[in-house]
Amino acid sequence: QHYTMTLYNALEEETGQSCGVFQPGS
């Protein structure tokens, strides 16, 4: 899960496809 959380922003940059990431905390 920690790996995945850090992957989303990199995935957006790599593909140009928005992942709709909001990280205001939990």
mmCIF file of all heavy atoms, coordinates in Angstrom:
data_MODEL
# 
_entry.id   MODEL 
# 
loop_
_atom_site.group_PDB 
_atom_site.id 
_atom_site.type_symbol 
_atom_site.label_atom_id 
_atom_site.label_alt_id 
_atom_site.label_comp_id 
_atom_site.label_asym_id 
_atom_site.label_entity_id 
_atom_site.label_seq_id 
_atom_site.pdbx_PDB_ins_code 
_atom_site.Cartn_x 
_atom_site.Cartn_y 
_atom_site.Cartn_z 
_atom_site.occupancy 
_atom_site.B_iso_or_equiv 
_atom_site.pdbx_formal_charge 
_atom_site.auth_seq_id 
_atom_site.auth_comp_id 
_atom_site.auth_asym_id 
_atom_site.auth_atom_id 
_atom_site.pdbx_PDB_model_num 
ATOM 1   N N   . GLN A 1 1  ? 0.827  -1.212 0.000   1.00 0.00 ? 1  GLN A N   1 
ATOM 2   C CA  . GLN A 1 1  ? 0.000  0.000  0.000   1.00 0.00 ? 1  GLN A CA  1 
ATOM 3   C C   . GLN A 1 1  ? 0.857  1.257  0.000   1.00 0.00 ? 1  GLN A C   1 
ATOM 4   O O   . GLN A 1 1  ? 0.532  2.246  -0.677  1.00 0.00 ? 1  GLN A O   1 
ATOM 5   C CB  . GLN A 1 1  ? -0.934 -0.033 1.215   1.00 0.00 ? 1  GLN A CB  1 
ATOM 6   C CG  . GLN A 1 1  ? -2.015 -1.093 1.082   1.00 0.00 ? 1  GLN A CG  1 
ATOM 7   C CD  . GLN A 1 1  ? -3.000 -1.120 2.246   1.00 0.00 ? 1  GLN A CD  1 
ATOM 8   O OE1 . GLN A 1 1  ? -4.032 -1.771 2.173   1.00 0.00 ? 1  GLN A OE1 1 
ATOM 9   N NE2 . GLN A 1 1  ? -2.699 -0.405 3.325   1.00 0.00 ? 1  GLN A NE2 1 
ATOM 10  N N   . HIS A 1 2  ? 1.943  1.246  0.755   1.00 0.00 ? 2  HIS A N   1 
ATOM 11  C CA  . HIS A 1 2  ? 2.822  2.418  0.777   1.00 0.00 ? 2  HIS A CA  1 
ATOM 12  C C   . HIS A 1 2  ? 3.457  2.632  -0.593  1.00 0.00 ? 2  HIS A C   1 
ATOM 13  O O   . HIS A 1 2  ? 3.561  3.764  -1.081  1.00 0.00 ? 2  HIS A O   1 
ATOM 14  C CB  . HIS A 1 2  ? 3.891  2.240  1.853   1.00 0.00 ? 2  HIS A CB  1 
ATOM 15  C CG  . HIS A 1 2  ? 4.758  3.439  2.043   1.00 0.00 ? 2  HIS A CG  1 
ATOM 16  N ND1 . HIS A 1 2  ? 6.043  3.523  1.557   1.00 0.00 ? 2  HIS A ND1 1 
ATOM 17  C CD2 . HIS A 1 2  ? 4.518  4.625  2.652   1.00 0.00 ? 2  HIS A CD2 1 
ATOM 18  C CE1 . HIS A 1 2  ? 6.555  4.701  1.865   1.00 0.00 ? 2  HIS A CE1 1 
ATOM 19  N NE2 . HIS A 1 2  ? 5.659  5.386  2.529   1.00 0.00 ? 2  HIS A NE2 1 
ATOM 20  N N   . TYR A 1 3  ? 3.881  1.544  -1.229  1.00 0.00 ? 3  TYR A N   1 
ATOM 21  C CA  . TYR A 1 3  ? 4.428  1.637  -2.583  1.00 0.00 ? 3  TYR A CA  1 
ATOM 22  C C   . TYR A 1 3  ? 3.410  2.217  -3.543  1.00 0.00 ? 3  TYR A C   1 
ATOM 23  O O   . TYR A 1 3  ? 3.716  3.093  -4.362  1.00 0.00 ? 3  TYR A O   1 
ATOM 24  C CB  . TYR A 1 3  ? 4.871  0.249  -3.058  1.00 0.00 ? 3  TYR A CB  1 
ATOM 25  C CG  . TYR A 1 3  ? 4.984  0.118  -4.558  1.00 0.00 ? 3  TYR A CG  1 
ATOM 26  C CD1 . TYR A 1 3  ? 6.075  0.656  -5.246  1.00 0.00 ? 3  TYR A CD1 1 
ATOM 27  C CD2 . TYR A 1 3  ? 3.993  -0.515 -5.302  1.00 0.00 ? 3  TYR A CD2 1 
ATOM 28  C CE1 . TYR A 1 3  ? 6.169  0.557  -6.626  1.00 0.00 ? 3  TYR A CE1 1 
ATOM 29  C CE2 . TYR A 1 3  ? 4.079  -0.622 -6.680  1.00 0.00 ? 3  TYR A CE2 1 
ATOM 30  C CZ  . TYR A 1 3  ? 5.160  -0.087 -7.341  1.00 0.00 ? 3  TYR A CZ  1 
ATOM 31  O OH  . TYR A 1 3  ? 5.248  -0.180 -8.702  1.00 0.00 ? 3  TYR A OH  1 
ATOM 32  N N   . THR A 1 4  ? 2.162  1.744  -3.435  1.00 0.00 ? 4  THR A N   1 
ATOM 33  C CA  . THR A 1 4  ? 1.121  2.194  -4.359  1.00 0.00 ? 4  THR A CA  1 
ATOM 34  C C   . THR A 1 4  ? 0.823  3.674  -4.178  1.00 0.00 ? 4  THR A C   1 
ATOM 35  O O   . THR A 1 4  ? 0.636  4.405  -5.155  1.00 0.00 ? 4  THR A O   1 
ATOM 36  C CB  . THR A 1 4  ? -0.155 1.364  -4.147  1.00 0.00 ? 4  THR A CB  1 
ATOM 37  O OG1 . THR A 1 4  ? 0.147  -0.026 -4.309  1.00 0.00 ? 4  THR A OG1 1 
ATOM 38  C CG2 . THR A 1 4  ? -1.215 1.749  -5.165  1.00 0.00 ? 4  THR A CG2 1 
ATOM 39  N N   . MET A 1 5  ? 0.777  4.123  -2.937  1.00 0.00 ? 5  MET A N   1 
ATOM 40  C CA  . MET A 1 5  ? 0.504  5.542  -2.682  1.00 0.00 ? 5  MET A CA  1 
ATOM 41  C C   . MET A 1 5  ? 1.538  6.445  -3.343  1.00 0.00 ? 5  MET A C   1 
ATOM 42  O O   . MET A 1 5  ? 1.208  7.526  -3.834  1.00 0.00 ? 5  MET A O   1 
ATOM 43  C CB  . MET A 1 5  ? 0.475  5.804  -1.177  1.00 0.00 ? 5  MET A CB  1 
ATOM 44  C CG  . MET A 1 5  ? -0.745 5.260  -0.475  1.00 0.00 ? 5  MET A CG  1 
ATOM 45  S SD  . MET A 1 5  ? -0.612 5.423  1.320   1.00 0.00 ? 5  MET A SD  1 
ATOM 46  C CE  . MET A 1 5  ? -0.583 7.203  1.524   1.00 0.00 ? 5  MET A CE  1 
ATOM 47  N N   . THR A 1 6  ? 2.778  6.002  -3.346  1.00 0.00 ? 6  THR A N   1 
ATOM 48  C CA  . THR A 1 6  ? 3.832  6.817  -3.949  1.00 0.00 ? 6  THR A CA  1 
ATOM 49  C C   . THR A 1 6  ? 3.881  6.645  -5.466  1.00 0.00 ? 6  THR A C   1 
ATOM 50  O O   . THR A 1 6  ? 4.500  7.453  -6.156  1.00 0.00 ? 6  THR A O   1 
ATOM 51  C CB  . THR A 1 6  ? 5.205  6.449  -3.356  1.00 0.00 ? 6  THR A CB  1 
ATOM 52  O OG1 . THR A 1 6  ? 5.491  5.068  -3.630  1.00 0.00 ? 6  THR A OG1 1 
ATOM 53  C CG2 . THR A 1 6  ? 5.199  6.639  -1.846  1.00 0.00 ? 6  THR A CG2 1 
ATOM 54  N N   . LEU A 1 7  ? 3.217  5.598  -5.974  1.00 0.00 ? 7  LEU A N   1 
ATOM 55  C CA  . LEU A 1 7  ? 3.256  5.325  -7.407  1.00 0.00 ? 7  LEU A CA  1 
ATOM 56  C C   . LEU A 1 7  ? 2.328  6.228  -8.211  1.00 0.00 ? 7  LEU A C   1 
ATOM 57  O O   . LEU A 1 7  ? 2.646  6.600  -9.346  1.00 0.00 ? 7  LEU A O   1 
ATOM 58  C CB  . LEU A 1 7  ? 2.875  3.857  -7.661  1.00 0.00 ? 7  LEU A CB  1 
ATOM 59  C CG  . LEU A 1 7  ? 2.701  3.416  -9.114  1.00 0.00 ? 7  LEU A CG  1 
ATOM 60  C CD1 . LEU A 1 7  ? 4.024  3.510  -9.875  1.00 0.00 ? 7  LEU A CD1 1 
ATOM 61  C CD2 . LEU A 1 7  ? 2.157  1.990  -9.174  1.00 0.00 ? 7  LEU A CD2 1 
ATOM 62  N N   . TYR A 1 8  ? 1.179  6.610  -7.636  1.00 0.00 ? 8  TYR A N   1 
ATOM 63  C CA  . TYR A 1 8  ? 0.135  7.271  -8.422  1.00 0.00 ? 8  TYR A CA  1 
ATOM 64  C C   . TYR A 1 8  ? 0.618  8.553  -9.092  1.00 0.00 ? 8  TYR A C   1 
ATOM 65  O O   . TYR A 1 8  ? 0.355  8.787  -10.274 1.00 0.00 ? 8  TYR A O   1 
ATOM 66  C CB  . TYR A 1 8  ? -1.081 7.564  -7.552  1.00 0.00 ? 8  TYR A CB  1 
ATOM 67  C CG  . TYR A 1 8  ? -1.855 6.329  -7.152  1.00 0.00 ? 8  TYR A CG  1 
ATOM 68  C CD1 . TYR A 1 8  ? -2.308 6.160  -5.844  1.00 0.00 ? 8  TYR A CD1 1 
ATOM 69  C CD2 . TYR A 1 8  ? -2.122 5.323  -8.074  1.00 0.00 ? 8  TYR A CD2 1 
ATOM 70  C CE1 . TYR A 1 8  ? -3.008 5.022  -5.475  1.00 0.00 ? 8  TYR A CE1 1 
ATOM 71  C CE2 . TYR A 1 8  ? -2.821 4.188  -7.714  1.00 0.00 ? 8  TYR A CE2 1 
ATOM 72  C CZ  . TYR A 1 8  ? -3.262 4.043  -6.415  1.00 0.00 ? 8  TYR A CZ  1 
ATOM 73  O OH  . TYR A 1 8  ? -3.957 2.921  -6.044  1.00 0.00 ? 8  TYR A OH  1 
ATOM 74  N N   . ASN A 1 9  ? 1.321  9.399  -8.357  1.00 0.00 ? 9  ASN A N   1 
ATOM 75  C CA  . ASN A 1 9  ? 1.784  10.657 -8.954  1.00 0.00 ? 9  ASN A CA  1 
ATOM 76  C C   . ASN A 1 9  ? 2.799  10.398 -10.071 1.00 0.00 ? 9  ASN A C   1 
ATOM 77  O O   . ASN A 1 9  ? 2.775  11.058 -11.112 1.00 0.00 ? 9  ASN A O   1 
ATOM 78  C CB  . ASN A 1 9  ? 2.400  11.555 -7.879  1.00 0.00 ? 9  ASN A CB  1 
ATOM 79  C CG  . ASN A 1 9  ? 1.345  12.087 -6.917  1.00 0.00 ? 9  ASN A CG  1 
ATOM 80  O OD1 . ASN A 1 9  ? 0.266  12.486 -7.329  1.00 0.00 ? 9  ASN A OD1 1 
ATOM 81  N ND2 . ASN A 1 9  ? 1.657  12.089 -5.640  1.00 0.00 ? 9  ASN A ND2 1 
ATOM 82  N N   . ALA A 1 10 ? 3.678  9.404  -9.855  1.00 0.00 ? 10 ALA A N   1 
ATOM 83  C CA  . ALA A 1 10 ? 4.637  9.052  -10.905 1.00 0.00 ? 10 ALA A CA  1 
ATOM 84  C C   . ALA A 1 10 ? 3.925  8.471  -12.116 1.00 0.00 ? 10 ALA A C   1 
ATOM 85  O O   . ALA A 1 10 ? 4.327  8.708  -13.267 1.00 0.00 ? 10 ALA A O   1 
ATOM 86  C CB  . ALA A 1 10 ? 5.660  8.052  -10.357 1.00 0.00 ? 10 ALA A CB  1 
ATOM 87  N N   . LEU A 1 11 ? 2.869  7.723  -11.876 1.00 0.00 ? 11 LEU A N   1 
ATOM 88  C CA  . LEU A 1 11 ? 2.098  7.132  -12.966 1.00 0.00 ? 11 LEU A CA  1 
ATOM 89  C C   . LEU A 1 11 ? 1.430  8.215  -13.808 1.00 0.00 ? 11 LEU A C   1 
ATOM 90  O O   . LEU A 1 11 ? 1.356  8.106  -15.039 1.00 0.00 ? 11 LEU A O   1 
ATOM 91  C CB  . LEU A 1 11 ? 1.051  6.181  -12.388 1.00 0.00 ? 11 LEU A CB  1 
ATOM 92  C CG  . LEU A 1 11 ? 0.360  5.212  -13.340 1.00 0.00 ? 11 LEU A CG  1 
ATOM 93  C CD1 . LEU A 1 11 ? 1.370  4.287  -14.011 1.00 0.00 ? 11 LEU A CD1 1 
ATOM 94  C CD2 . LEU A 1 11 ? -0.680 4.399  -12.579 1.00 0.00 ? 11 LEU A CD2 1 
ATOM 95  N N   . GLU A 1 12 ? 0.950  9.261  -13.153 1.00 0.00 ? 12 GLU A N   1 
ATOM 96  C CA  . GLU A 1 12 ? 0.366  10.391 -13.882 1.00 0.00 ? 12 GLU A CA  1 
ATOM 97  C C   . GLU A 1 12 ? 1.394  11.034 -14.809 1.00 0.00 ? 12 GLU A C   1 
ATOM 98  O O   . GLU A 1 12 ? 1.115  11.326 -15.983 1.00 0.00 ? 12 GLU A O   1 
ATOM 99  C CB  . GLU A 1 12 ? -0.165 11.439 -12.908 1.00 0.00 ? 12 GLU A CB  1 
ATOM 100 C CG  . GLU A 1 12 ? -1.469 11.077 -12.227 1.00 0.00 ? 12 GLU A CG  1 
ATOM 101 C CD  . GLU A 1 12 ? -2.021 12.226 -11.398 1.00 0.00 ? 12 GLU A CD  1 
ATOM 102 O OE1 . GLU A 1 12 ? -1.262 13.205 -11.145 1.00 0.00 ? 12 GLU A OE1 1 
ATOM 103 O OE2 . GLU A 1 12 ? -3.202 12.171 -11.018 1.00 0.00 ? 12 GLU A OE2 1 
ATOM 104 N N   . GLU A 1 13 ? 2.596  11.260 -14.288 1.00 0.00 ? 13 GLU A N   1 
ATOM 105 C CA  . GLU A 1 13 ? 3.651  11.882 -15.094 1.00 0.00 ? 13 GLU A CA  1 
ATOM 106 C C   . GLU A 1 13 ? 4.057  10.988 -16.256 1.00 0.00 ? 13 GLU A C   1 
ATOM 107 O O   . GLU A 1 13 ? 4.305  11.463 -17.366 1.00 0.00 ? 13 GLU A O   1 
ATOM 108 C CB  . GLU A 1 13 ? 4.871  12.180 -14.216 1.00 0.00 ? 13 GLU A CB  1 
ATOM 109 C CG  . GLU A 1 13 ? 4.627  13.238 -13.156 1.00 0.00 ? 13 GLU A CG  1 
ATOM 110 C CD  . GLU A 1 13 ? 5.886  13.526 -12.354 1.00 0.00 ? 13 GLU A CD  1 
ATOM 111 O OE1 . GLU A 1 13 ? 6.975  13.054 -12.775 1.00 0.00 ? 13 GLU A OE1 1 
ATOM 112 O OE2 . GLU A 1 13 ? 5.787  14.209 -11.318 1.00 0.00 ? 13 GLU A OE2 1 
ATOM 113 N N   . GLU A 1 14 ? 4.108  9.685  -16.003 1.00 0.00 ? 14 GLU A N   1 
ATOM 114 C CA  . GLU A 1 14 ? 4.540  8.740  -17.031 1.00 0.00 ? 14 GLU A CA  1 
ATOM 115 C C   . GLU A 1 14 ? 3.540  8.624  -18.168 1.00 0.00 ? 14 GLU A C   1 
ATOM 116 O O   . GLU A 1 14 ? 3.926  8.543  -19.339 1.00 0.00 ? 14 GLU A O   1 
ATOM 117 C CB  . GLU A 1 14 ? 4.733  7.366  -16.385 1.00 0.00 ? 14 GLU A CB  1 
ATOM 118 C CG  . GLU A 1 14 ? 5.094  6.254  -17.360 1.00 0.00 ? 14 GLU A CG  1 
ATOM 119 C CD  . GLU A 1 14 ? 5.123  4.896  -16.680 1.00 0.00 ? 14 GLU A CD  1 
ATOM 120 O OE1 . GLU A 1 14 ? 5.405  4.830  -15.468 1.00 0.00 ? 14 GLU A OE1 1 
ATOM 121 O OE2 . GLU A 1 14 ? 4.857  3.898  -17.376 1.00 0.00 ? 14 GLU A OE2 1 
ATOM 122 N N   . THR A 1 15 ? 2.251  8.625  -17.843 1.00 0.00 ? 15 THR A N   1 
ATOM 123 C CA  . THR A 1 15 ? 1.227  8.325  -18.852 1.00 0.00 ? 15 THR A CA  1 
ATOM 124 C C   . THR A 1 15 ? 0.446  9.536  -19.332 1.00 0.00 ? 15 THR A C   1 
ATOM 125 O O   . THR A 1 15 ? -0.191 9.481  -20.384 1.00 0.00 ? 15 THR A O   1 
ATOM 126 C CB  . THR A 1 15 ? 0.226  7.306  -18.286 1.00 0.00 ? 15 THR A CB  1 
ATOM 127 O OG1 . THR A 1 15 ? -0.483 7.900  -17.175 1.00 0.00 ? 15 THR A OG1 1 
ATOM 128 C CG2 . THR A 1 15 ? 0.935  6.045  -17.819 1.00 0.00 ? 15 THR A CG2 1 
ATOM 129 N N   . GLY A 1 16 ? 0.455  10.634 -18.556 1.00 0.00 ? 16 GLY A N   1 
ATOM 130 C CA  . GLY A 1 16 ? -0.369 11.781 -18.911 1.00 0.00 ? 16 GLY A CA  1 
ATOM 131 C C   . GLY A 1 16 ? -1.823 11.612 -18.527 1.00 0.00 ? 16 GLY A C   1 
ATOM 132 O O   . GLY A 1 16 ? -2.651 12.486 -18.803 1.00 0.00 ? 16 GLY A O   1 
ATOM 133 N N   . GLN A 1 17 ? -2.161 10.508 -17.883 1.00 0.00 ? 17 GLN A N   1 
ATOM 134 C CA  . GLN A 1 17 ? -3.531 10.230 -17.453 1.00 0.00 ? 17 GLN A CA  1 
ATOM 135 C C   . GLN A 1 17 ? -3.686 10.582 -15.976 1.00 0.00 ? 17 GLN A C   1 
ATOM 136 O O   . GLN A 1 17 ? -2.954 10.080 -15.128 1.00 0.00 ? 17 GLN A O   1 
ATOM 137 C CB  . GLN A 1 17 ? -3.863 8.752  -17.665 1.00 0.00 ? 17 GLN A CB  1 
ATOM 138 C CG  . GLN A 1 17 ? -5.123 8.260  -16.970 1.00 0.00 ? 17 GLN A CG  1 
ATOM 139 C CD  . GLN A 1 17 ? -6.398 8.856  -17.543 1.00 0.00 ? 17 GLN A CD  1 
ATOM 140 O OE1 . GLN A 1 17 ? -6.584 8.881  -18.759 1.00 0.00 ? 17 GLN A OE1 1 
ATOM 141 N NE2 . GLN A 1 17 ? -7.270 9.348  -16.680 1.00 0.00 ? 17 GLN A NE2 1 
ATOM 142 N N   . SER A 1 18 ? -4.644 11.446 -15.668 1.00 0.00 ? 18 SER A N   1 
ATOM 143 C CA  . SER A 1 18 ? -4.871 11.822 -14.278 1.00 0.00 ? 18 SER A CA  1 
ATOM 144 C C   . SER A 1 18 ? -5.384 10.629 -13.480 1.00 0.00 ? 18 SER A C   1 
ATOM 145 O O   . SER A 1 18 ? -6.246 9.875  -13.939 1.00 0.00 ? 18 SER A O   1 
ATOM 146 C CB  . SER A 1 18 ? -5.884 12.967 -14.195 1.00 0.00 ? 18 SER A CB  1 
ATOM 147 O OG  . SER A 1 18 ? -6.260 13.198 -12.847 1.00 0.00 ? 18 SER A OG  1 
ATOM 148 N N   . CYS A 1 19 ? -4.861 10.469 -12.270 1.00 0.00 ? 19 CYS A N   1 
ATOM 149 C CA  . CYS A 1 19 ? -5.343 9.441  -11.348 1.00 0.00 ? 19 CYS A CA  1 
ATOM 150 C C   . CYS A 1 19 ? -6.300 10.037 -10.315 1.00 0.00 ? 19 CYS A C   1 
ATOM 151 O O   . CYS A 1 19 ? -6.772 9.316  -9.425  1.00 0.00 ? 19 CYS A O   1 
ATOM 152 C CB  . CYS A 1 19 ? -4.169 8.780  -10.640 1.00 0.00 ? 19 CYS A CB  1 
ATOM 153 S SG  . CYS A 1 19 ? -3.113 7.777  -11.712 1.00 0.00 ? 19 CYS A SG  1 
ATOM 154 N N   . GLY A 1 20 ? -6.565 11.335 -10.415 1.00 0.00 ? 20 GLY A N   1 
ATOM 155 C CA  . GLY A 1 20 ? -7.480 11.979 -9.480  1.00 0.00 ? 20 GLY A CA  1 
ATOM 156 C C   . GLY A 1 20 ? -7.022 11.853 -8.040  1.00 0.00 ? 20 GLY A C   1 
ATOM 157 O O   . GLY A 1 20 ? -7.807 11.537 -7.149  1.00 0.00 ? 20 GLY A O   1 
ATOM 158 N N   . VAL A 1 21 ? -5.737 12.121 -7.803  1.00 0.00 ? 21 VAL A N   1 
ATOM 159 C CA  . VAL A 1 21 ? -5.160 11.912 -6.476  1.00 0.00 ? 21 VAL A CA  1 
ATOM 160 C C   . VAL A 1 21 ? -5.458 13.095 -5.562  1.00 0.00 ? 21 VAL A C   1 
ATOM 161 O O   . VAL A 1 21 ? -5.164 14.248 -5.901  1.00 0.00 ? 21 VAL A O   1 
ATOM 162 C CB  . VAL A 1 21 ? -3.631 11.699 -6.572  1.00 0.00 ? 21 VAL A CB  1 
ATOM 163 C CG1 . VAL A 1 21 ? -3.058 11.465 -5.180  1.00 0.00 ? 21 VAL A CG1 1 
ATOM 164 C CG2 . VAL A 1 21 ? -3.311 10.531 -7.487  1.00 0.00 ? 21 VAL A CG2 1 
ATOM 165 N N   . PHE A 1 22 ? -6.053 12.817 -4.410  1.00 0.00 ? 22 PHE A N   1 
ATOM 166 C CA  . PHE A 1 22 ? -6.220 13.804 -3.347  1.00 0.00 ? 22 PHE A CA  1 
ATOM 167 C C   . PHE A 1 22 ? -5.560 13.229 -2.101  1.00 0.00 ? 22 PHE A C   1 
ATOM 168 O O   . PHE A 1 22 ? -5.907 12.124 -1.666  1.00 0.00 ? 22 PHE A O   1 
ATOM 169 C CB  . PHE A 1 22 ? -7.707 14.068 -3.058  1.00 0.00 ? 22 PHE A CB  1 
ATOM 170 C CG  . PHE A 1 22 ? -8.445 14.729 -4.185  1.00 0.00 ? 22 PHE A CG  1 
ATOM 171 C CD1 . PHE A 1 22 ? -9.270 13.985 -5.015  1.00 0.00 ? 22 PHE A CD1 1 
ATOM 172 C CD2 . PHE A 1 22 ? -8.314 16.089 -4.420  1.00 0.00 ? 22 PHE A CD2 1 
ATOM 173 C CE1 . PHE A 1 22 ? -9.958 14.580 -6.055  1.00 0.00 ? 22 PHE A CE1 1 
ATOM 174 C CE2 . PHE A 1 22 ? -8.993 16.701 -5.460  1.00 0.00 ? 22 PHE A CE2 1 
ATOM 175 C CZ  . PHE A 1 22 ? -9.821 15.939 -6.282  1.00 0.00 ? 22 PHE A CZ  1 
ATOM 176 N N   . GLN A 1 23 ? -4.618 13.952 -1.530  1.00 0.00 ? 23 GLN A N   1 
ATOM 177 C CA  . GLN A 1 23 ? -3.917 13.467 -0.339  1.00 0.00 ? 23 GLN A CA  1 
ATOM 178 C C   . GLN A 1 23 ? -3.933 14.525 0.765   1.00 0.00 ? 23 GLN A C   1 
ATOM 179 O O   . GLN A 1 23 ? -2.892 15.052 1.154   1.00 0.00 ? 23 GLN A O   1 
ATOM 180 C CB  . GLN A 1 23 ? -2.490 13.060 -0.693  1.00 0.00 ? 23 GLN A CB  1 
ATOM 181 C CG  . GLN A 1 23 ? -2.428 11.792 -1.568  1.00 0.00 ? 23 GLN A CG  1 
ATOM 182 C CD  . GLN A 1 23 ? -1.015 11.377 -1.904  1.00 0.00 ? 23 GLN A CD  1 
ATOM 183 O OE1 . GLN A 1 23 ? -0.347 12.021 -2.714  1.00 0.00 ? 23 GLN A OE1 1 
ATOM 184 N NE2 . GLN A 1 23 ? -0.564 10.289 -1.293  1.00 0.00 ? 23 GLN A NE2 1 
ATOM 185 N N   . PRO A 1 24 ? -5.128 14.800 1.304   1.00 0.00 ? 24 PRO A N   1 
ATOM 186 C CA  . PRO A 1 24 ? -5.222 15.758 2.407   1.00 0.00 ? 24 PRO A CA  1 
ATOM 187 C C   . PRO A 1 24 ? -4.905 15.133 3.752   1.00 0.00 ? 24 PRO A C   1 
ATOM 188 O O   . PRO A 1 24 ? -4.944 15.811 4.776   1.00 0.00 ? 24 PRO A O   1 
ATOM 189 C CB  . PRO A 1 24 ? -6.689 16.187 2.357   1.00 0.00 ? 24 PRO A CB  1 
ATOM 190 C CG  . PRO A 1 24 ? -7.402 14.954 1.878   1.00 0.00 ? 24 PRO A CG  1 
ATOM 191 C CD  . PRO A 1 24 ? -6.454 14.278 0.918   1.00 0.00 ? 24 PRO A CD  1 
ATOM 192 N N   . GLY A 1 25 ? -4.601 13.827 3.752   1.00 0.00 ? 25 GLY A N   1 
ATOM 193 C CA  . GLY A 1 25 ? -4.307 13.123 4.993   1.00 0.00 ? 25 GLY A CA  1 
ATOM 194 C C   . GLY A 1 25 ? -5.478 12.262 5.435   1.00 0.00 ? 25 GLY A C   1 
ATOM 195 O O   . GLY A 1 25 ? -6.593 12.357 4.916   1.00 0.00 ? 25 GLY A O   1 
ATOM 196 N N   . SER A 1 26 ? -5.204 11.393 6.414   1.00 0.00 ? 26 SER A N   1 
ATOM 197 C CA  . SER A 1 26 ? -6.232 10.514 6.979   1.00 0.00 ? 26 SER A CA  1 
ATOM 198 C C   . SER A 1 26 ? -6.094 10.483 8.501   1.00 0.00 ? 26 SER A C   1 
ATOM 199 O O   . SER A 1 26 ? -4.986 10.421 9.025   1.00 0.00 ? 26 SER A O   1 
ATOM 200 C CB  . SER A 1 26 ? -6.082 9.086  6.432   1.00 0.00 ? 26 SER A CB  1 
ATOM 201 O OG  . SER A 1 26 ? -6.289 9.044  5.034   1.00 0.00 ? 26 SER A OG  1 
# 
